[in-house]
Amino acid sequence: MLNRGTLLLLVSAIALGGGVLLFENRGSVSNSSKTSDAQGKPLVPFEESAVIRFELDRAEGDNLAFFKDESGAWQMSAPEAQVAEESAIAFLLSQLTRASNRVIDVDSGSLADFGLDDPEAIITLEAENSSYQLLIGSADFGGDQRYVQAKNLTTDNSTEDVDTDGDDAAADLSESKADQLEEIEIHLIAGGIMNAIKRPTIEWLMASQEEFSEWSSENETSNEVEALSENEASSEVEAASEEATSN
C-alpha cells in the first residue's frame, strides 16, 4: 500500500498536470481566435451591383468619376461626360467588393509605414444610404498585395452633424482624443488592384461608333495591303519559275 506521503505527492502531480493541460487548452483557443480575426473580410458591406456611383482620385493621372444612369448603364462624369467602358468598371469594383486576404490592427500613428498617410489612390464608393472611402497604400513586403484602409463616410458624417452647443468642451474632447493613438483596421488585398487604378483614362471610355469604324477601316486597309503584297510576291515567284523553265 502507498503511504500517506506518497499518496499526497501523487495527488499533487495529477492536479498540477491537469492545471497545465487546462492552461494549454485555453491558450490554444485564444491563439485560434486571433488567427480568425486576422483573416480577411469584406472592405465594404455591400455587393458590386449595389454601387451607384464612385470616384477614383489618383496620385498619377486624371481623377475619375462615374455614376449609373436610369437604365443601369455606367456613365463617366469627370474628367468628361462620356459613356463608360463597363468591363473596366466591373474589374475595379470586383476587386473592392470581395473579401480581403487578411486584416491587421495597427496604431493610427503608424499609417505612414503602410503608405496610407499619402495614399496612391482614394476611391469613394456610394451605395443606397451608405458611402465608403478606400485608401490604397503601398505594397506589402512580398510586393503582391496592397494595404487598404476603409472608412465609413456615412458614420463619420452623422457624427459631424451633432448639436454644436458647448463648442469649447467639444474642442477639448477632440484634442484629448487626438493625443491618444487609436487602433485601425488595415486590409491586405491582391496587388492587381493597381492595374485597374493605373488604367489610362481613354480605356475607361466605351469606343464610339466612329472610332470603331475607323479601327475597322484601318484593319481592312492593312489586310488589303498584306493580301496585295502576297499576290505580288506570288506572281514574281511564278514569273521567275517560268523563266527558269524556258531557259
C-alpha atoms as a PDB file:
ATOM      1  CA  MET A   1       0.000   0.000   0.000  1.00  0.00           C
ATOM      2  CA  LEU A   2       1.023   3.565  -0.582  1.00  0.00           C
ATOM      3  CA  ASN A   3       1.974   5.536   2.473  1.00  0.00           C
ATOM      4  CA  ARG A   4       0.387   8.906   3.155  1.00  0.00           C
ATOM      5  CA  GLY A   5       3.319  10.975   1.801  1.00  0.00           C
ATOM      6  CA  THR A   6       3.451   9.094  -1.492  1.00  0.00           C
ATOM      7  CA  LEU A   7      -0.300   9.431  -1.921  1.00  0.00           C
ATOM      8  CA  LEU A   8      -0.148  13.197  -1.371  1.00  0.00           C
ATOM      9  CA  LEU A   9       2.652  13.523  -3.937  1.00  0.00           C
ATOM     10  CA  LEU A  10       0.643  11.519  -6.458  1.00  0.00           C
ATOM     11  CA  VAL A  11      -2.479  13.666  -5.963  1.00  0.00           C
ATOM     12  CA  SER A  12      -0.377  16.845  -6.290  1.00  0.00           C
ATOM     13  CA  ALA A  13       1.203  15.612  -9.538  1.00  0.00           C
ATOM     14  CA  ILE A  14      -2.211  14.796 -11.027  1.00  0.00           C
ATOM     15  CA  ALA A  15      -3.580  18.221 -10.045  1.00  0.00           C
ATOM     16  CA  LEU A  16      -0.529  20.001 -11.475  1.00  0.00           C
ATOM     17  CA  GLY A  17      -0.772  18.062 -14.737  1.00  0.00           C
ATOM     18  CA  GLY A  18      -4.470  18.889 -15.042  1.00  0.00           C
ATOM     19  CA  GLY A  19      -3.775  22.573 -14.472  1.00  0.00           C
ATOM     20  CA  VAL A  20      -1.081  22.661 -17.177  1.00  0.00           C
ATOM     21  CA  LEU A  21      -3.383  20.868 -19.626  1.00  0.00           C
ATOM     22  CA  LEU A  22      -6.239  23.310 -18.931  1.00  0.00           C
ATOM     23  CA  PHE A  23      -3.906  26.296 -19.389  1.00  0.00           C
ATOM     24  CA  GLU A  24      -2.619  24.969 -22.723  1.00  0.00           C
ATOM     25  CA  ASN A  25      -6.149  24.348 -23.988  1.00  0.00           C
ATOM     26  CA  ARG A  26      -7.181  27.899 -23.115  1.00  0.00           C
ATOM     27  CA  GLY A  27      -4.058  29.247 -24.810  1.00  0.00           C
ATOM     28  CA  SER A  28      -4.865  27.229 -27.911  1.00  0.00           C
ATOM     29  CA  VAL A  29      -8.398  28.672 -28.072  1.00  0.00           C
ATOM     30  CA  SER A  30      -7.045  32.198 -27.613  1.00  0.00           C
ATOM     31  CA  ASN A  31      -4.486  31.772 -30.418  1.00  0.00           C
ATOM     32  CA  SER A  32      -7.171  30.374 -32.693  1.00  0.00           C
ATOM     33  CA  SER A  33      -9.397  33.416 -32.169  1.00  0.00           C
ATOM     34  CA  LYS A  34      -6.503  35.751 -33.002  1.00  0.00           C
ATOM     35  CA  THR A  35      -5.861  33.875 -36.238  1.00  0.00           C
ATOM     36  CA  SER A  36      -9.556  34.105 -37.077  1.00  0.00           C
ATOM     37  CA  ASP A  37      -9.502  37.893 -36.515  1.00  0.00           C
ATOM     38  CA  ALA A  38      -6.512  38.172 -38.839  1.00  0.00           C
ATOM     39  CA  GLN A  39      -8.374  36.523 -41.710  1.00  0.00           C
ATOM     40  CA  GLY A  40      -9.831  38.686 -44.446  1.00  0.00           C
ATOM     41  CA  LYS A  41     -13.295  40.199 -44.550  1.00  0.00           C
ATOM     42  CA  PRO A  42     -15.201  42.494 -46.950  1.00  0.00           C
ATOM     43  CA  LEU A  43     -13.926  46.038 -47.359  1.00  0.00           C
ATOM     44  CA  VAL A  44     -17.489  47.347 -47.683  1.00  0.00           C
ATOM     45  CA  PRO A  45     -20.858  45.921 -46.510  1.00  0.00           C
ATOM     46  CA  PHE A  46     -22.487  45.890 -49.963  1.00  0.00           C
ATOM     47  CA  GLU A  47     -22.093  43.982 -53.235  1.00  0.00           C
ATOM     48  CA  GLU A  48     -20.727  45.206 -56.561  1.00  0.00           C
ATOM     49  CA  SER A  49     -24.229  45.523 -58.032  1.00  0.00           C
ATOM     50  CA  ALA A  50     -25.265  47.898 -55.209  1.00  0.00           C
ATOM     51  CA  VAL A  51     -22.713  50.587 -56.141  1.00  0.00           C
ATOM     52  CA  ILE A  52     -24.458  53.523 -57.832  1.00  0.00           C
ATOM     53  CA  ARG A  53     -21.550  55.943 -58.159  1.00  0.00           C
ATOM     54  CA  PHE A  54     -17.856  56.145 -57.359  1.00  0.00           C
ATOM     55  CA  GLU A  55     -14.864  58.454 -57.621  1.00  0.00           C
ATOM     56  CA  LEU A  56     -11.249  57.500 -58.236  1.00  0.00           C
ATOM     57  CA  ASP A  57      -8.653  60.063 -57.128  1.00  0.00           C
ATOM     58  CA  ARG A  58      -5.210  59.027 -58.343  1.00  0.00           C
ATOM     59  CA  ALA A  59      -1.757  60.248 -57.379  1.00  0.00           C
ATOM     60  CA  GLU A  60      -0.845  59.919 -61.062  1.00  0.00           C
ATOM     61  CA  GLY A  61      -3.273  60.524 -63.914  1.00  0.00           C
ATOM     62  CA  ASP A  62      -6.730  62.060 -64.158  1.00  0.00           C
ATOM     63  CA  ASN A  63      -9.214  61.878 -61.318  1.00  0.00           C
ATOM     64  CA  LEU A  64     -12.291  59.985 -62.497  1.00  0.00           C
ATOM     65  CA  ALA A  65     -15.970  59.951 -61.519  1.00  0.00           C
ATOM     66  CA  PHE A  66     -18.742  57.591 -62.648  1.00  0.00           C
ATOM     67  CA  PHE A  67     -22.448  57.044 -61.994  1.00  0.00           C
ATOM     68  CA  LYS A  68     -25.180  54.640 -63.038  1.00  0.00           C
ATOM     69  CA  ASP A  69     -27.894  56.181 -65.190  1.00  0.00           C
ATOM     70  CA  GLU A  70     -31.603  55.281 -65.008  1.00  0.00           C
ATOM     71  CA  SER A  71     -31.089  52.283 -67.283  1.00  0.00           C
ATOM     72  CA  GLY A  72     -28.290  50.945 -65.073  1.00  0.00           C
ATOM     73  CA  ALA A  73     -25.533  51.765 -67.587  1.00  0.00           C
ATOM     74  CA  TRP A  74     -22.317  53.334 -66.303  1.00  0.00           C
ATOM     75  CA  GLN A  75     -21.507  56.895 -67.368  1.00  0.00           C
ATOM     76  CA  MET A  76     -18.337  58.921 -66.798  1.00  0.00           C
ATOM     77  CA  SER A  77     -18.987  62.375 -65.329  1.00  0.00           C
ATOM     78  CA  ALA A  78     -15.355  63.519 -64.886  1.00  0.00           C
ATOM     79  CA  PRO A  79     -12.986  64.479 -66.387  1.00  0.00           C
ATOM     80  CA  GLU A  80     -15.558  64.416 -69.240  1.00  0.00           C
ATOM     81  CA  ALA A  81     -19.119  63.241 -69.779  1.00  0.00           C
ATOM     82  CA  GLN A  82     -18.997  60.021 -71.814  1.00  0.00           C
ATOM     83  CA  VAL A  83     -20.400  56.504 -71.879  1.00  0.00           C
ATOM     84  CA  ALA A  84     -18.118  54.365 -69.682  1.00  0.00           C
ATOM     85  CA  GLU A  85     -16.497  51.046 -70.519  1.00  0.00           C
ATOM     86  CA  GLU A  86     -18.455  48.529 -68.415  1.00  0.00           C
ATOM     87  CA  SER A  87     -15.691  45.902 -68.283  1.00  0.00           C
ATOM     88  CA  ALA A  88     -13.150  48.373 -66.858  1.00  0.00           C
ATOM     89  CA  ILE A  89     -15.564  49.372 -64.092  1.00  0.00           C
ATOM     90  CA  ALA A  90     -16.559  45.770 -63.371  1.00  0.00           C
ATOM     91  CA  PHE A  91     -12.898  44.800 -62.911  1.00  0.00           C
ATOM     92  CA  LEU A  92     -12.261  47.588 -60.394  1.00  0.00           C
ATOM     93  CA  LEU A  93     -15.452  47.082 -58.380  1.00  0.00           C
ATOM     94  CA  SER A  94     -14.987  43.312 -58.224  1.00  0.00           C
ATOM     95  CA  GLN A  95     -11.610  43.896 -56.557  1.00  0.00           C
ATOM     96  CA  LEU A  96     -13.144  46.244 -53.979  1.00  0.00           C
ATOM     97  CA  THR A  97     -16.320  44.367 -53.039  1.00  0.00           C
ATOM     98  CA  ARG A  98     -14.789  40.954 -52.366  1.00  0.00           C
ATOM     99  CA  ALA A  99     -13.244  39.837 -49.070  1.00  0.00           C
ATOM    100  CA  SER A 100      -9.696  40.982 -48.391  1.00  0.00           C
ATOM    101  CA  ASN A 101      -6.891  38.464 -47.951  1.00  0.00           C
ATOM    102  CA  ARG A 102      -6.115  39.491 -44.387  1.00  0.00           C
ATOM    103  CA  VAL A 103      -6.886  42.119 -41.747  1.00  0.00           C
ATOM    104  CA  ILE A 104      -4.386  43.553 -39.271  1.00  0.00           C
ATOM    105  CA  ASP A 105      -4.782  46.111 -36.466  1.00  0.00           C
ATOM    106  CA  VAL A 106      -2.269  48.962 -36.340  1.00  0.00           C
ATOM    107  CA  ASP A 107      -1.837  52.184 -34.370  1.00  0.00           C
ATOM    108  CA  SER A 108      -3.098  55.296 -36.133  1.00  0.00           C
ATOM    109  CA  GLY A 109       0.362  56.789 -35.704  1.00  0.00           C
ATOM    110  CA  SER A 110       1.954  54.140 -37.937  1.00  0.00           C
ATOM    111  CA  LEU A 111      -0.129  54.690 -41.097  1.00  0.00           C
ATOM    112  CA  ALA A 112       2.946  56.019 -42.895  1.00  0.00           C
ATOM    113  CA  ASP A 113       4.528  52.558 -42.627  1.00  0.00           C
ATOM    114  CA  PHE A 114       1.745  51.277 -44.896  1.00  0.00           C
ATOM    115  CA  GLY A 115       1.719  54.179 -47.362  1.00  0.00           C
ATOM    116  CA  LEU A 116      -1.642  55.356 -46.031  1.00  0.00           C
ATOM    117  CA  ASP A 117      -0.567  58.826 -44.933  1.00  0.00           C
ATOM    118  CA  ASP A 118      -0.160  59.705 -48.622  1.00  0.00           C
ATOM    119  CA  PRO A 119      -2.143  57.016 -50.489  1.00  0.00           C
ATOM    120  CA  GLU A 120      -1.580  56.178 -54.144  1.00  0.00           C
ATOM    121  CA  ALA A 121      -5.326  56.360 -54.735  1.00  0.00           C
ATOM    122  CA  ILE A 122      -8.527  57.225 -52.865  1.00  0.00           C
ATOM    123  CA  ILE A 123     -11.704  55.516 -54.027  1.00  0.00           C
ATOM    124  CA  THR A 124     -15.094  56.674 -52.796  1.00  0.00           C
ATOM    125  CA  LEU A 125     -17.923  54.175 -53.267  1.00  0.00           C
ATOM    126  CA  GLU A 126     -21.566  55.114 -52.849  1.00  0.00           C
ATOM    127  CA  ALA A 127     -24.500  52.728 -52.480  1.00  0.00           C
ATOM    128  CA  GLU A 128     -28.032  53.406 -51.233  1.00  0.00           C
ATOM    129  CA  ASN A 129     -27.694  55.048 -47.783  1.00  0.00           C
ATOM    130  CA  SER A 130     -24.050  54.029 -47.495  1.00  0.00           C
ATOM    131  CA  SER A 131     -20.729  55.592 -48.519  1.00  0.00           C
ATOM    132  CA  TYR A 132     -17.209  54.285 -48.008  1.00  0.00           C
ATOM    133  CA  GLN A 133     -13.788  55.688 -48.771  1.00  0.00           C
ATOM    134  CA  LEU A 134     -10.934  53.290 -49.543  1.00  0.00           C
ATOM    135  CA  LEU A 135      -7.340  54.461 -49.218  1.00  0.00           C
ATOM    136  CA  ILE A 136      -4.904  52.405 -51.306  1.00  0.00           C
ATOM    137  CA  GLY A 137      -1.477  52.319 -49.695  1.00  0.00           C
ATOM    138  CA  SER A 138       1.865  50.770 -50.533  1.00  0.00           C
ATOM    139  CA  ALA A 139       2.700  47.172 -51.425  1.00  0.00           C
ATOM    140  CA  ASP A 140       3.481  44.649 -48.709  1.00  0.00           C
ATOM    141  CA  PHE A 141       6.937  43.110 -48.236  1.00  0.00           C
ATOM    142  CA  GLY A 142       6.283  40.444 -50.890  1.00  0.00           C
ATOM    143  CA  GLY A 143       5.064  43.055 -53.373  1.00  0.00           C
ATOM    144  CA  ASP A 144       1.971  41.105 -54.434  1.00  0.00           C
ATOM    145  CA  GLN A 145      -0.540  42.701 -52.049  1.00  0.00           C
ATOM    146  CA  ARG A 146      -1.645  46.233 -51.183  1.00  0.00           C
ATOM    147  CA  TYR A 147      -2.568  47.805 -47.855  1.00  0.00           C
ATOM    148  CA  VAL A 148      -6.052  49.351 -47.798  1.00  0.00           C
ATOM    149  CA  GLN A 149      -7.851  51.382 -45.147  1.00  0.00           C
ATOM    150  CA  ALA A 150     -11.666  51.517 -45.342  1.00  0.00           C
ATOM    151  CA  LYS A 151     -13.553  54.494 -43.880  1.00  0.00           C
ATOM    152  CA  ASN A 152     -17.307  54.539 -43.315  1.00  0.00           C
ATOM    153  CA  LEU A 153     -18.254  58.036 -44.501  1.00  0.00           C
ATOM    154  CA  THR A 154     -21.897  57.565 -43.517  1.00  0.00           C
ATOM    155  CA  THR A 155     -20.951  57.121 -39.834  1.00  0.00           C
ATOM    156  CA  ASP A 156     -18.344  59.884 -39.927  1.00  0.00           C
ATOM    157  CA  ASN A 157     -20.788  62.367 -41.460  1.00  0.00           C
ATOM    158  CA  SER A 158     -23.536  61.540 -38.979  1.00  0.00           C
ATOM    159  CA  THR A 159     -21.074  62.174 -36.143  1.00  0.00           C
ATOM    160  CA  GLU A 160     -20.241  65.594 -37.577  1.00  0.00           C
ATOM    161  CA  ASP A 161     -23.914  66.612 -37.640  1.00  0.00           C
ATOM    162  CA  VAL A 162     -24.391  66.581 -33.833  1.00  0.00           C
ATOM    163  CA  ASP A 163     -25.541  69.660 -31.904  1.00  0.00           C
ATOM    164  CA  THR A 164     -22.814  72.316 -31.795  1.00  0.00           C
ATOM    165  CA  ASP A 165     -23.664  73.633 -28.284  1.00  0.00           C
ATOM    166  CA  GLY A 166     -20.689  73.593 -25.962  1.00  0.00           C
ATOM    167  CA  ASP A 167     -18.085  74.145 -28.695  1.00  0.00           C
ATOM    168  CA  ASP A 168     -15.268  74.677 -26.198  1.00  0.00           C
ATOM    169  CA  ALA A 169     -15.934  71.386 -24.421  1.00  0.00           C
ATOM    170  CA  ALA A 170     -16.149  69.570 -27.762  1.00  0.00           C
ATOM    171  CA  ALA A 171     -12.839  71.089 -28.879  1.00  0.00           C
ATOM    172  CA  ASP A 172     -11.132  69.977 -25.664  1.00  0.00           C
ATOM    173  CA  LEU A 173     -12.539  66.475 -26.082  1.00  0.00           C
ATOM    174  CA  SER A 174     -11.365  66.394 -29.697  1.00  0.00           C
ATOM    175  CA  GLU A 175      -7.840  67.430 -28.693  1.00  0.00           C
ATOM    176  CA  SER A 176      -7.659  64.786 -25.961  1.00  0.00           C
ATOM    177  CA  LYS A 177      -8.769  62.123 -28.453  1.00  0.00           C
ATOM    178  CA  ALA A 178      -6.166  63.281 -30.957  1.00  0.00           C
ATOM    179  CA  ASP A 179      -3.465  62.758 -28.352  1.00  0.00           C
ATOM    180  CA  GLN A 180      -4.458  59.102 -27.982  1.00  0.00           C
ATOM    181  CA  LEU A 181      -3.452  56.545 -30.601  1.00  0.00           C
ATOM    182  CA  GLU A 182      -6.354  54.577 -31.991  1.00  0.00           C
ATOM    183  CA  GLU A 183      -6.252  51.065 -33.388  1.00  0.00           C
ATOM    184  CA  ILE A 184      -7.172  50.993 -37.059  1.00  0.00           C
ATOM    185  CA  GLU A 185      -8.041  48.027 -39.264  1.00  0.00           C
ATOM    186  CA  ILE A 186      -5.834  47.632 -42.324  1.00  0.00           C
ATOM    187  CA  HIS A 187      -6.759  45.206 -45.096  1.00  0.00           C
ATOM    188  CA  LEU A 188      -4.440  43.360 -47.437  1.00  0.00           C
ATOM    189  CA  ILE A 189      -5.833  42.849 -50.960  1.00  0.00           C
ATOM    190  CA  ALA A 190      -4.411  41.491 -54.221  1.00  0.00           C
ATOM    191  CA  GLY A 191      -1.906  43.824 -55.869  1.00  0.00           C
ATOM    192  CA  GLY A 192      -3.784  43.515 -59.168  1.00  0.00           C
ATOM    193  CA  ILE A 193      -5.936  46.414 -57.991  1.00  0.00           C
ATOM    194  CA  MET A 194      -3.203  48.729 -59.283  1.00  0.00           C
ATOM    195  CA  ASN A 195      -3.799  47.526 -62.851  1.00  0.00           C
ATOM    196  CA  ALA A 196      -7.309  48.945 -62.581  1.00  0.00           C
ATOM    197  CA  ILE A 197      -6.268  52.135 -60.820  1.00  0.00           C
ATOM    198  CA  LYS A 198      -3.500  52.998 -63.309  1.00  0.00           C
ATOM    199  CA  ARG A 199      -5.629  52.245 -66.378  1.00  0.00           C
ATOM    200  CA  PRO A 200      -5.343  55.199 -68.827  1.00  0.00           C
ATOM    201  CA  THR A 201      -8.383  57.469 -68.929  1.00  0.00           C
ATOM    202  CA  ILE A 202      -9.169  56.584 -72.559  1.00  0.00           C
ATOM    203  CA  GLU A 203      -9.582  52.930 -71.566  1.00  0.00           C
ATOM    204  CA  TRP A 204     -12.381  53.845 -69.147  1.00  0.00           C
ATOM    205  CA  LEU A 205     -14.474  55.066 -72.094  1.00  0.00           C
ATOM    206  CA  MET A 206     -16.554  52.992 -74.461  1.00  0.00           C
ATOM    207  CA  ALA A 207     -15.255  53.309 -78.019  1.00  0.00           C
ATOM    208  CA  SER A 208     -17.648  55.389 -80.147  1.00  0.00           C
ATOM    209  CA  GLN A 209     -19.134  54.042 -83.387  1.00  0.00           C
ATOM    210  CA  GLU A 210     -16.903  56.448 -85.311  1.00  0.00           C
ATOM    211  CA  GLU A 211     -13.781  55.188 -83.538  1.00  0.00           C
ATOM    212  CA  PHE A 212     -14.865  51.589 -84.094  1.00  0.00           C
ATOM    213  CA  SER A 213     -15.463  52.268 -87.814  1.00  0.00           C
ATOM    214  CA  GLU A 214     -12.069  53.955 -88.033  1.00  0.00           C
ATOM    215  CA  TRP A 215     -10.405  50.971 -86.376  1.00  0.00           C
ATOM    216  CA  SER A 216     -12.245  48.540 -88.680  1.00  0.00           C
ATOM    217  CA  SER A 217     -11.306  50.591 -91.763  1.00  0.00           C
ATOM    218  CA  GLU A 218      -7.644  50.644 -90.731  1.00  0.00           C
ATOM    219  CA  ASN A 219      -7.692  46.872 -90.218  1.00  0.00           C
ATOM    220  CA  GLU A 220      -9.366  46.294 -93.586  1.00  0.00           C
ATOM    221  CA  THR A 221      -6.820  48.540 -95.328  1.00  0.00           C
ATOM    222  CA  SER A 222      -3.990  46.734 -93.567  1.00  0.00           C
ATOM    223  CA  ASN A 223      -5.403  43.351 -94.611  1.00  0.00           C
ATOM    224  CA  GLU A 224      -5.800  44.521 -98.219  1.00  0.00           C
ATOM    225  CA  VAL A 225      -2.187  45.748 -98.328  1.00  0.00           C
ATOM    226  CA  GLU A 226      -0.976  42.415 -96.926  1.00  0.00           C
ATOM    227  CA  ALA A 227      -3.058  40.470 -99.459  1.00  0.00           C
ATOM    228  CA  LEU A 228      -1.781  42.628-102.320  1.00  0.00           C
ATOM    229  CA  SER A 229       1.812  42.141-101.204  1.00  0.00           C
ATOM    230  CA  GLU A 230       1.316  38.390-101.026  1.00  0.00           C
ATOM    231  CA  ASN A 231      -0.212  38.320-104.536  1.00  0.00           C
ATOM    232  CA  GLU A 232       2.627  40.400-105.959  1.00  0.00           C
ATOM    233  CA  ALA A 233       5.205  38.139-104.331  1.00  0.00           C
ATOM    234  CA  SER A 234       3.429  35.050-105.661  1.00  0.00           C
ATOM    235  CA  SER A 235       3.324  36.499-109.195  1.00  0.00           C
ATOM    236  CA  GLU A 236       7.030  37.288-109.079  1.00  0.00           C
ATOM    237  CA  VAL A 237       7.832  33.731-107.962  1.00  0.00           C
ATOM    238  CA  GLU A 238       5.695  32.256-110.772  1.00  0.00           C
ATOM    239  CA  ALA A 239       7.347  34.520-113.394  1.00  0.00           C
ATOM    240  CA  ALA A 240      10.801  33.575-112.175  1.00  0.00           C
ATOM    241  CA  SER A 241       9.842  29.896-112.280  1.00  0.00           C
ATOM    242  CA  GLU A 242       8.523  30.138-115.833  1.00  0.00           C
ATOM    243  CA  GLU A 243      11.635  31.973-116.983  1.00  0.00           C
ATOM    244  CA  ALA A 244      13.867  29.330-115.450  1.00  0.00           C
ATOM    245  CA  THR A 245      11.861  26.560-117.144  1.00  0.00           C
ATOM    246  CA  SER A 246      12.028  28.196-120.582  1.00  0.00           C
ATOM    247  CA  ASN A 247      15.784  28.590-120.310  1.00  0.00           C
END
